[in-house]
Amino acid sequence: MSFLPCFLCGCKLEKRTSKTGKPYFVCDPCGIQLFVRRKDGIERLDELMRAAQKNAIPF
């Protein structure tokens, strides 16, 4: 799984990767951009994605 729900509209936010290799998400309808910049945040995001996929957590 490589998406999260938008906290405003619930649309699926696909995980993207910046030029520097860092993850971010964009909601086209709302215009929200979510950037994960720090090492700890990136590690937590990866852990969340793995756990959600492993445990079939529906977002």
PDB file of N, CA and C in Angstrom:
ATOM      1  N   MET A   1       0.851  -1.183   0.000  1.00  0.00           N
ATOM      2  CA  MET A   1       0.000   0.000   0.000  1.00  0.00           C
ATOM      3  C   MET A   1       0.890   1.237   0.000  1.00  0.00           C
ATOM      4  N   SER A   2       0.524   2.197  -0.816  1.00  0.00           N
ATOM      5  CA  SER A   2       1.318   3.430  -0.866  1.00  0.00           C
ATOM      6  C   SER A   2       0.416   4.652  -0.915  1.00  0.00           C
ATOM      7  N   PHE A   3      -0.609   4.638  -0.069  1.00  0.00           N
ATOM      8  CA  PHE A   3      -1.494   5.801  -0.018  1.00  0.00           C
ATOM      9  C   PHE A   3      -2.017   6.007   1.395  1.00  0.00           C
ATOM     10  N   LEU A   4      -2.494   7.230   1.635  1.00  0.00           N
ATOM     11  CA  LEU A   4      -3.158   7.608   2.876  1.00  0.00           C
ATOM     12  C   LEU A   4      -4.429   8.353   2.502  1.00  0.00           C
ATOM     13  N   PRO A   5      -5.421   8.422   3.397  1.00  0.00           N
ATOM     14  CA  PRO A   5      -6.601   9.226   3.089  1.00  0.00           C
ATOM     15  C   PRO A   5      -6.355  10.709   3.405  1.00  0.00           C
ATOM     16  N   CYS A   6      -6.927  11.588   2.609  1.00  0.00           N
ATOM     17  CA  CYS A   6      -6.884  13.026   2.896  1.00  0.00           C
ATOM     18  C   CYS A   6      -7.715  13.271   4.156  1.00  0.00           C
ATOM     19  N   PHE A   7      -7.191  14.045   5.081  1.00  0.00           N
ATOM     20  CA  PHE A   7      -7.931  14.270   6.326  1.00  0.00           C
ATOM     21  C   PHE A   7      -9.089  15.252   6.158  1.00  0.00           C
ATOM     22  N   LEU A   8      -9.189  15.932   5.005  1.00  0.00           N
ATOM     23  CA  LEU A   8     -10.317  16.833   4.764  1.00  0.00           C
ATOM     24  C   LEU A   8     -11.438  16.177   3.958  1.00  0.00           C
ATOM     25  N   CYS A   9     -11.073  15.503   2.870  1.00  0.00           N
ATOM     26  CA  CYS A   9     -12.113  14.970   1.982  1.00  0.00           C
ATOM     27  C   CYS A   9     -12.144  13.450   1.910  1.00  0.00           C
ATOM     28  N   GLY A  10     -11.106  12.787   2.396  1.00  0.00           N
ATOM     29  CA  GLY A  10     -11.075  11.327   2.386  1.00  0.00           C
ATOM     30  C   GLY A  10     -10.564  10.710   1.094  1.00  0.00           C
ATOM     31  N   CYS A  11     -10.200  11.523   0.110  1.00  0.00           N
ATOM     32  CA  CYS A  11      -9.656  10.997  -1.149  1.00  0.00           C
ATOM     33  C   CYS A  11      -8.349  10.267  -0.884  1.00  0.00           C
ATOM     34  N   LYS A  12      -8.045   9.328  -1.745  1.00  0.00           N
ATOM     35  CA  LYS A  12      -6.819   8.564  -1.636  1.00  0.00           C
ATOM     36  C   LYS A  12      -5.628   9.432  -2.055  1.00  0.00           C
ATOM     37  N   LEU A  13      -4.662   9.588  -1.158  1.00  0.00           N
ATOM     38  CA  LEU A  13      -3.446  10.348  -1.444  1.00  0.00           C
ATOM     39  C   LEU A  13      -2.342   9.358  -1.793  1.00  0.00           C
ATOM     40  N   GLU A  14      -1.929   9.358  -3.044  1.00  0.00           N
ATOM     41  CA  GLU A  14      -0.874   8.454  -3.492  1.00  0.00           C
ATOM     42  C   GLU A  14       0.484   8.967  -3.011  1.00  0.00           C
ATOM     43  N   LYS A  15       1.318   8.055  -2.568  1.00  0.00           N
ATOM     44  CA  LYS A  15       2.670   8.407  -2.120  1.00  0.00           C
ATOM     45  C   LYS A  15       3.517   8.754  -3.344  1.00  0.00           C
ATOM     46  N   ARG A  16       4.168   9.890  -3.273  1.00  0.00           N
ATOM     47  CA  ARG A  16       5.072  10.337  -4.320  1.00  0.00           C
ATOM     48  C   ARG A  16       6.454  10.496  -3.715  1.00  0.00           C
ATOM     49  N   THR A  17       7.455  10.624  -4.569  1.00  0.00           N
ATOM     50  CA  THR A  17       8.823  10.803  -4.099  1.00  0.00           C
ATOM     51  C   THR A  17       9.400  12.060  -4.738  1.00  0.00           C
ATOM     52  N   SER A  18       9.997  12.911  -3.898  1.00  0.00           N
ATOM     53  CA  SER A  18      10.597  14.154  -4.391  1.00  0.00           C
ATOM     54  C   SER A  18      11.924  13.874  -5.097  1.00  0.00           C
ATOM     55  N   LYS A  19      12.487  14.914  -5.680  1.00  0.00           N
ATOM     56  CA  LYS A  19      13.788  14.788  -6.349  1.00  0.00           C
ATOM     57  C   LYS A  19      14.877  14.333  -5.382  1.00  0.00           C
ATOM     58  N   THR A  20      14.695  14.665  -4.111  1.00  0.00           N
ATOM     59  CA  THR A  20      15.686  14.295  -3.096  1.00  0.00           C
ATOM     60  C   THR A  20      15.405  12.923  -2.484  1.00  0.00           C
ATOM     61  N   GLY A  21      14.370  12.241  -2.983  1.00  0.00           N
ATOM     62  CA  GLY A  21      14.051  10.900  -2.505  1.00  0.00           C
ATOM     63  C   GLY A  21      13.169  10.852  -1.283  1.00  0.00           C
ATOM     64  N   LYS A  22      12.566  11.982  -0.913  1.00  0.00           N
ATOM     65  CA  LYS A  22      11.712  12.022   0.275  1.00  0.00           C
ATOM     66  C   LYS A  22      10.246  11.888  -0.127  1.00  0.00           C
ATOM     67  N   PRO A  23       9.449  11.216   0.714  1.00  0.00           N
ATOM     68  CA  PRO A  23       8.045  10.994   0.386  1.00  0.00           C
ATOM     69  C   PRO A  23       7.178  12.230   0.614  1.00  0.00           C
ATOM     70  N   TYR A  24       6.136  12.349  -0.210  1.00  0.00           N
ATOM     71  CA  TYR A  24       5.136  13.398  -0.011  1.00  0.00           C
ATOM     72  C   TYR A  24       3.823  12.962  -0.624  1.00  0.00           C
ATOM     73  N   PHE A  25       2.747  13.648  -0.251  1.00  0.00           N
ATOM     74  CA  PHE A  25       1.401  13.340  -0.722  1.00  0.00           C
ATOM     75  C   PHE A  25       0.736  14.634  -1.153  1.00  0.00           C
ATOM     76  N   VAL A  26      -0.138  14.561  -2.167  1.00  0.00           N
ATOM     77  CA  VAL A  26      -0.858  15.732  -2.657  1.00  0.00           C
ATOM     78  C   VAL A  26      -2.322  15.339  -2.875  1.00  0.00           C
ATOM     79  N   CYS A  27      -3.241  16.163  -2.376  1.00  0.00           N
ATOM     80  CA  CYS A  27      -4.667  15.979  -2.641  1.00  0.00           C
ATOM     81  C   CYS A  27      -5.061  17.009  -3.686  1.00  0.00           C
ATOM     82  N   ASP A  28      -5.350  16.563  -4.896  1.00  0.00           N
ATOM     83  CA  ASP A  28      -5.696  17.486  -5.973  1.00  0.00           C
ATOM     84  C   ASP A  28      -6.987  18.264  -5.698  1.00  0.00           C
ATOM     85  N   PRO A  29      -8.070  17.610  -5.212  1.00  0.00           N
ATOM     86  CA  PRO A  29      -9.295  18.368  -4.957  1.00  0.00           C
ATOM     87  C   PRO A  29      -9.141  19.452  -3.880  1.00  0.00           C
ATOM     88  N   CYS A  30      -8.422  19.142  -2.798  1.00  0.00           N
ATOM     89  CA  CYS A  30      -8.278  20.084  -1.684  1.00  0.00           C
ATOM     90  C   CYS A  30      -7.077  21.012  -1.832  1.00  0.00           C
ATOM     91  N   GLY A  31      -6.062  20.551  -2.530  1.00  0.00           N
ATOM     92  CA  GLY A  31      -4.840  21.324  -2.650  1.00  0.00           C
ATOM     93  C   GLY A  31      -3.875  21.139  -1.491  1.00  0.00           C
ATOM     94  N   ILE A  32      -4.145  20.162  -0.652  1.00  0.00           N
ATOM     95  CA  ILE A  32      -3.278  19.890   0.489  1.00  0.00           C
ATOM     96  C   ILE A  32      -2.018  19.180   0.010  1.00  0.00           C
ATOM     97  N   GLN A  33      -0.885  19.564   0.570  1.00  0.00           N
ATOM     98  CA  GLN A  33       0.376  18.888   0.311  1.00  0.00           C
ATOM     99  C   GLN A  33       0.958  18.466   1.651  1.00  0.00           C
ATOM    100  N   LEU A  34       1.366  17.216   1.749  1.00  0.00           N
ATOM    101  CA  LEU A  34       1.944  16.683   2.977  1.00  0.00           C
ATOM    102  C   LEU A  34       3.349  16.207   2.655  1.00  0.00           C
ATOM    103  N   PHE A  35       4.334  16.830   3.280  1.00  0.00           N
ATOM    104  CA  PHE A  35       5.735  16.489   3.052  1.00  0.00           C
ATOM    105  C   PHE A  35       6.313  15.852   4.307  1.00  0.00           C
ATOM    106  N   VAL A  36       7.066  14.782   4.141  1.00  0.00           N
ATOM    107  CA  VAL A  36       7.750  14.128   5.248  1.00  0.00           C
ATOM    108  C   VAL A  36       9.232  14.379   5.024  1.00  0.00           C
ATOM    109  N   ARG A  37       9.822  15.223   5.837  1.00  0.00           N
ATOM    110  CA  ARG A  37      11.167  15.728   5.581  1.00  0.00           C
ATOM    111  C   ARG A  37      12.273  15.086   6.414  1.00  0.00           C
ATOM    112  N   ARG A  38      11.961  14.707   7.631  1.00  0.00           N
ATOM    113  CA  ARG A  38      13.009  14.241   8.539  1.00  0.00           C
ATOM    114  C   ARG A  38      13.113  12.711   8.545  1.00  0.00           C
ATOM    115  N   LYS A  39      14.291  12.234   8.927  1.00  0.00           N
ATOM    116  CA  LYS A  39      14.571  10.796   8.924  1.00  0.00           C
ATOM    117  C   LYS A  39      13.583  10.021   9.797  1.00  0.00           C
ATOM    118  N   ASP A  40      13.317  10.510  11.002  1.00  0.00           N
ATOM    119  CA  ASP A  40      12.385   9.815  11.899  1.00  0.00           C
ATOM    120  C   ASP A  40      10.988   9.727  11.295  1.00  0.00           C
ATOM    121  N   GLY A  41      10.532  10.805  10.679  1.00  0.00           N
ATOM    122  CA  GLY A  41       9.211  10.805  10.048  1.00  0.00           C
ATOM    123  C   GLY A  41       9.130   9.836   8.884  1.00  0.00           C
ATOM    124  N   ILE A  42      10.183   9.788   8.088  1.00  0.00           N
ATOM    125  CA  ILE A  42      10.220   8.872   6.947  1.00  0.00           C
ATOM    126  C   ILE A  42      10.193   7.429   7.436  1.00  0.00           C
ATOM    127  N   GLU A  43      10.949   7.136   8.487  1.00  0.00           N
ATOM    128  CA  GLU A  43      10.952   5.782   9.056  1.00  0.00           C
ATOM    129  C   GLU A  43       9.583   5.424   9.619  1.00  0.00           C
ATOM    130  N   ARG A  44       8.935   6.363  10.300  1.00  0.00           N
ATOM    131  CA  ARG A  44       7.593   6.100  10.850  1.00  0.00           C
ATOM    132  C   ARG A  44       6.565   5.900   9.742  1.00  0.00           C
ATOM    133  N   LEU A  45       6.670   6.685   8.679  1.00  0.00           N
ATOM    134  CA  LEU A  45       5.765   6.525   7.538  1.00  0.00           C
ATOM    135  C   LEU A  45       5.950   5.145   6.911  1.00  0.00           C
ATOM    136  N   ASP A  46       7.188   4.722   6.714  1.00  0.00           N
ATOM    137  CA  ASP A  46       7.456   3.389   6.159  1.00  0.00           C
ATOM    138  C   ASP A  46       6.888   2.298   7.048  1.00  0.00           C
ATOM    139  N   GLU A  47       7.062   2.460   8.359  1.00  0.00           N
ATOM    140  CA  GLU A  47       6.525   1.481   9.315  1.00  0.00           C
ATOM    141  C   GLU A  47       4.999   1.439   9.253  1.00  0.00           C
ATOM    142  N   LEU A  48       4.366   2.608   9.169  1.00  0.00           N
ATOM    143  CA  LEU A  48       2.908   2.673   9.062  1.00  0.00           C
ATOM    144  C   LEU A  48       2.424   1.980   7.796  1.00  0.00           C
ATOM    145  N   MET A  49       3.088   2.225   6.678  1.00  0.00           N
ATOM    146  CA  MET A  49       2.698   1.620   5.406  1.00  0.00           C
ATOM    147  C   MET A  49       2.844   0.097   5.464  1.00  0.00           C
ATOM    148  N   ARG A  50       3.948  -0.378   6.040  1.00  0.00           N
ATOM    149  CA  ARG A  50       4.159  -1.832   6.157  1.00  0.00           C
ATOM    150  C   ARG A  50       3.107  -2.457   7.065  1.00  0.00           C
ATOM    151  N   ALA A  51       2.839  -1.832   8.201  1.00  0.00           N
ATOM    152  CA  ALA A  51       1.865  -2.371   9.152  1.00  0.00           C
ATOM    153  C   ALA A  51       0.463  -2.374   8.545  1.00  0.00           C
ATOM    154  N   ALA A  52       0.117  -1.321   7.828  1.00  0.00           N
ATOM    155  CA  ALA A  52      -1.213  -1.248   7.216  1.00  0.00           C
ATOM    156  C   ALA A  52      -1.380  -2.339   6.166  1.00  0.00           C
ATOM    157  N   GLN A  53      -0.338  -2.578   5.384  1.00  0.00           N
ATOM    158  CA  GLN A  53      -0.412  -3.612   4.350  1.00  0.00           C
ATOM    159  C   GLN A  53      -0.435  -5.002   4.989  1.00  0.00           C
ATOM    160  N   LYS A  54       0.424  -5.218   5.965  1.00  0.00           N
ATOM    161  CA  LYS A  54       0.510  -6.516   6.634  1.00  0.00           C
ATOM    162  C   LYS A  54      -0.791  -6.868   7.347  1.00  0.00           C
ATOM    163  N   ASN A  55      -1.387  -5.896   8.015  1.00  0.00           N
ATOM    164  CA  ASN A  55      -2.603  -6.141   8.798  1.00  0.00           C
ATOM    165  C   ASN A  55      -3.879  -5.819   8.043  1.00  0.00           C
ATOM    166  N   ALA A  56      -3.747  -5.500   6.759  1.00  0.00           N
ATOM    167  CA  ALA A  56      -4.886  -5.179   5.908  1.00  0.00           C
ATOM    168  C   ALA A  56      -5.765  -4.090   6.522  1.00  0.00           C
ATOM    169  N   ILE A  57      -5.137  -3.024   7.005  1.00  0.00           N
ATOM    170  CA  ILE A  57      -5.864  -1.896   7.572  1.00  0.00           C
ATOM    171  C   ILE A  57      -6.448  -1.086   6.423  1.00  0.00           C
ATOM    172  N   PRO A  58      -7.777  -0.991   6.346  1.00  0.00           N
ATOM    173  CA  PRO A  58      -8.385  -0.242   5.242  1.00  0.00           C
ATOM    174  C   PRO A  58      -8.384   1.259   5.522  1.00  0.00           C
ATOM    175  N   PHE A  59      -7.722   2.006   4.677  1.00  0.00           N
ATOM    176  CA  PHE A  59      -7.730   3.465   4.790  1.00  0.00           C
ATOM    177  C   PHE A  59      -8.823   3.996   3.903  1.00  0.00           C
TER     178      PHE A  59
END
